Amino acid sequence: MNSQNRHTAKLAAALIGGSAMVTMGALAMAVNQQAVHTDQTELASVGKMTIAATTTASGKADTVEATSFAVPAIKGPAPLPTEEAAAE
């Protein structure tokens, strides 16, 4: 194979590879656009957060205030497991 044929083959391979990359990019953008439109319609239909829309699922305002604090059931160090207590 002479130098001219090798150069032509490399150029053809580069053109084919570049065309494949452009095609994959266009397909990825098309799939992404379709997924974005599908997700937005699904979100709006189930009542989740959407842009520039405020809704509540139950229709009631959440006005419950915290009136107590969590208290631990055990005070002090926790007891050892039975295996470790038997080893001592």
C-alpha atoms as a PDB file:
ATOM      1  CA  MET A   1       0.000   0.000   0.000  1.00  0.00           C
ATOM      2  CA  ASN A   2       1.529   3.281  -0.981  1.00  0.00           C
ATOM      3  CA  SER A   3       1.412   6.554   0.945  1.00  0.00           C
ATOM      4  CA  GLN A   4      -1.428   8.056  -1.112  1.00  0.00           C
ATOM      5  CA  ASN A   5      -3.784   5.094  -0.536  1.00  0.00           C
ATOM      6  CA  ARG A   6      -2.974   5.087   3.186  1.00  0.00           C
ATOM      7  CA  HIS A   7      -3.740   8.819   3.411  1.00  0.00           C
ATOM      8  CA  THR A   8      -7.055   8.346   1.564  1.00  0.00           C
ATOM      9  CA  ALA A   9      -8.056   5.461   3.846  1.00  0.00           C
ATOM     10  CA  LYS A  10      -7.281   7.512   6.981  1.00  0.00           C
ATOM     11  CA  LEU A  11      -9.284  10.446   5.623  1.00  0.00           C
ATOM     12  CA  ALA A  12     -12.265   8.209   4.831  1.00  0.00           C
ATOM     13  CA  ALA A  13     -12.120   6.636   8.301  1.00  0.00           C
ATOM     14  CA  ALA A  14     -12.008  10.085   9.916  1.00  0.00           C
ATOM     15  CA  LEU A  15     -15.024  11.247   7.897  1.00  0.00           C
ATOM     16  CA  ILE A  16     -17.012   8.133   8.788  1.00  0.00           C
ATOM     17  CA  GLY A  17     -16.104   8.463  12.482  1.00  0.00           C
ATOM     18  CA  GLY A  18     -16.983  12.155  12.531  1.00  0.00           C
ATOM     19  CA  SER A  19     -20.316  11.484  10.866  1.00  0.00           C
ATOM     20  CA  ALA A  20     -21.078   8.788  13.435  1.00  0.00           C
ATOM     21  CA  MET A  21     -20.294  11.186  16.313  1.00  0.00           C
ATOM     22  CA  VAL A  22     -22.577  13.881  14.874  1.00  0.00           C
ATOM     23  CA  THR A  23     -25.365  11.334  14.370  1.00  0.00           C
ATOM     24  CA  MET A  24     -25.032  10.019  17.947  1.00  0.00           C
ATOM     25  CA  GLY A  25     -25.141  13.568  19.309  1.00  0.00           C
ATOM     26  CA  ALA A  26     -28.285  14.385  17.356  1.00  0.00           C
ATOM     27  CA  LEU A  27     -29.984  11.183  18.527  1.00  0.00           C
ATOM     28  CA  ALA A  28     -29.010  11.854  22.144  1.00  0.00           C
ATOM     29  CA  MET A  29     -30.480  15.351  21.988  1.00  0.00           C
ATOM     30  CA  ALA A  30     -33.702  14.046  20.443  1.00  0.00           C
ATOM     31  CA  VAL A  31     -34.091  11.378  23.145  1.00  0.00           C
ATOM     32  CA  ASN A  32     -33.319  13.931  25.860  1.00  0.00           C
ATOM     33  CA  GLN A  33     -35.929  16.354  24.514  1.00  0.00           C
ATOM     34  CA  GLN A  34     -38.523  13.600  24.425  1.00  0.00           C
ATOM     35  CA  ALA A  35     -37.684  12.525  28.004  1.00  0.00           C
ATOM     36  CA  VAL A  36     -37.919  16.105  29.305  1.00  0.00           C
ATOM     37  CA  HIS A  37     -41.383  16.621  27.827  1.00  0.00           C
ATOM     38  CA  THR A  38     -42.584  13.256  29.144  1.00  0.00           C
ATOM     39  CA  ASP A  39     -41.278  13.919  32.677  1.00  0.00           C
ATOM     40  CA  GLN A  40     -42.942  17.335  32.901  1.00  0.00           C
ATOM     41  CA  THR A  41     -46.361  16.015  31.953  1.00  0.00           C
ATOM     42  CA  GLU A  42     -46.057  13.125  34.408  1.00  0.00           C
ATOM     43  CA  LEU A  43     -45.007  15.446  37.222  1.00  0.00           C
ATOM     44  CA  ALA A  44     -47.921  17.774  36.615  1.00  0.00           C
ATOM     45  CA  SER A  45     -50.407  14.915  36.526  1.00  0.00           C
ATOM     46  CA  VAL A  46     -49.412  13.403  39.893  1.00  0.00           C
ATOM     47  CA  GLY A  47     -49.289  16.715  41.757  1.00  0.00           C
ATOM     48  CA  LYS A  48     -45.566  16.943  42.382  1.00  0.00           C
ATOM     49  CA  MET A  49     -43.544  20.144  42.213  1.00  0.00           C
ATOM     50  CA  THR A  50     -43.706  21.983  38.899  1.00  0.00           C
ATOM     51  CA  ILE A  51     -42.315  25.296  37.763  1.00  0.00           C
ATOM     52  CA  ALA A  52     -44.479  28.342  38.594  1.00  0.00           C
ATOM     53  CA  ALA A  53     -47.305  26.307  40.116  1.00  0.00           C
ATOM     54  CA  THR A  54     -48.243  25.896  43.773  1.00  0.00           C
ATOM     55  CA  THR A  55     -50.607  23.163  44.908  1.00  0.00           C
ATOM     56  CA  THR A  56     -51.151  21.133  48.063  1.00  0.00           C
ATOM     57  CA  ALA A  57     -52.105  17.482  47.977  1.00  0.00           C
ATOM     58  CA  SER A  58     -54.649  17.558  50.807  1.00  0.00           C
ATOM     59  CA  GLY A  59     -55.911  21.102  50.371  1.00  0.00           C
ATOM     60  CA  LYS A  60     -55.034  21.918  53.993  1.00  0.00           C
ATOM     61  CA  ALA A  61     -52.243  24.182  55.158  1.00  0.00           C
ATOM     62  CA  ASP A  62     -49.572  22.545  57.297  1.00  0.00           C
ATOM     63  CA  THR A  63     -49.832  24.499  60.549  1.00  0.00           C
ATOM     64  CA  VAL A  64     -48.733  21.801  63.016  1.00  0.00           C
ATOM     65  CA  GLU A  65     -46.040  23.079  65.370  1.00  0.00           C
ATOM     66  CA  ALA A  66     -43.576  20.947  67.261  1.00  0.00           C
ATOM     67  CA  THR A  67     -44.754  20.738  70.891  1.00  0.00           C
ATOM     68  CA  SER A  68     -42.322  18.154  72.257  1.00  0.00           C
ATOM     69  CA  PHE A  69     -38.775  16.970  71.807  1.00  0.00           C
ATOM     70  CA  ALA A  70     -37.435  13.472  71.296  1.00  0.00           C
ATOM     71  CA  VAL A  71     -36.211  11.831  74.498  1.00  0.00           C
ATOM     72  CA  PRO A  72     -33.845   8.837  74.466  1.00  0.00           C
ATOM     73  CA  ALA A  73     -35.267   5.631  75.964  1.00  0.00           C
ATOM     74  CA  ILE A  74     -31.950   4.599  77.577  1.00  0.00           C
ATOM     75  CA  LYS A  75     -29.877   7.015  79.638  1.00  0.00           C
ATOM     76  CA  GLY A  76     -26.197   6.394  80.161  1.00  0.00           C
ATOM     77  CA  PRO A  77     -24.026   3.837  78.388  1.00  0.00           C
ATOM     78  CA  ALA A  78     -25.756   1.038  76.510  1.00  0.00           C
ATOM     79  CA  PRO A  79     -25.412  -2.493  77.929  1.00  0.00           C
ATOM     80  CA  LEU A  80     -22.871  -4.833  76.336  1.00  0.00           C
ATOM     81  CA  PRO A  81     -24.048  -7.599  74.016  1.00  0.00           C
ATOM     82  CA  THR A  82     -24.261 -11.010  75.672  1.00  0.00           C
ATOM     83  CA  GLU A  83     -21.102 -12.330  73.920  1.00  0.00           C
ATOM     84  CA  GLU A  84     -18.962  -9.449  75.181  1.00  0.00           C
ATOM     85  CA  ALA A  85     -20.474  -9.542  78.676  1.00  0.00           C
ATOM     86  CA  ALA A  86     -19.649 -13.296  78.932  1.00  0.00           C
ATOM     87  CA  ALA A  87     -16.053 -12.631  77.808  1.00  0.00           C
ATOM     88  CA  GLU A  88     -15.394 -10.287  80.718  1.00  0.00           C
END
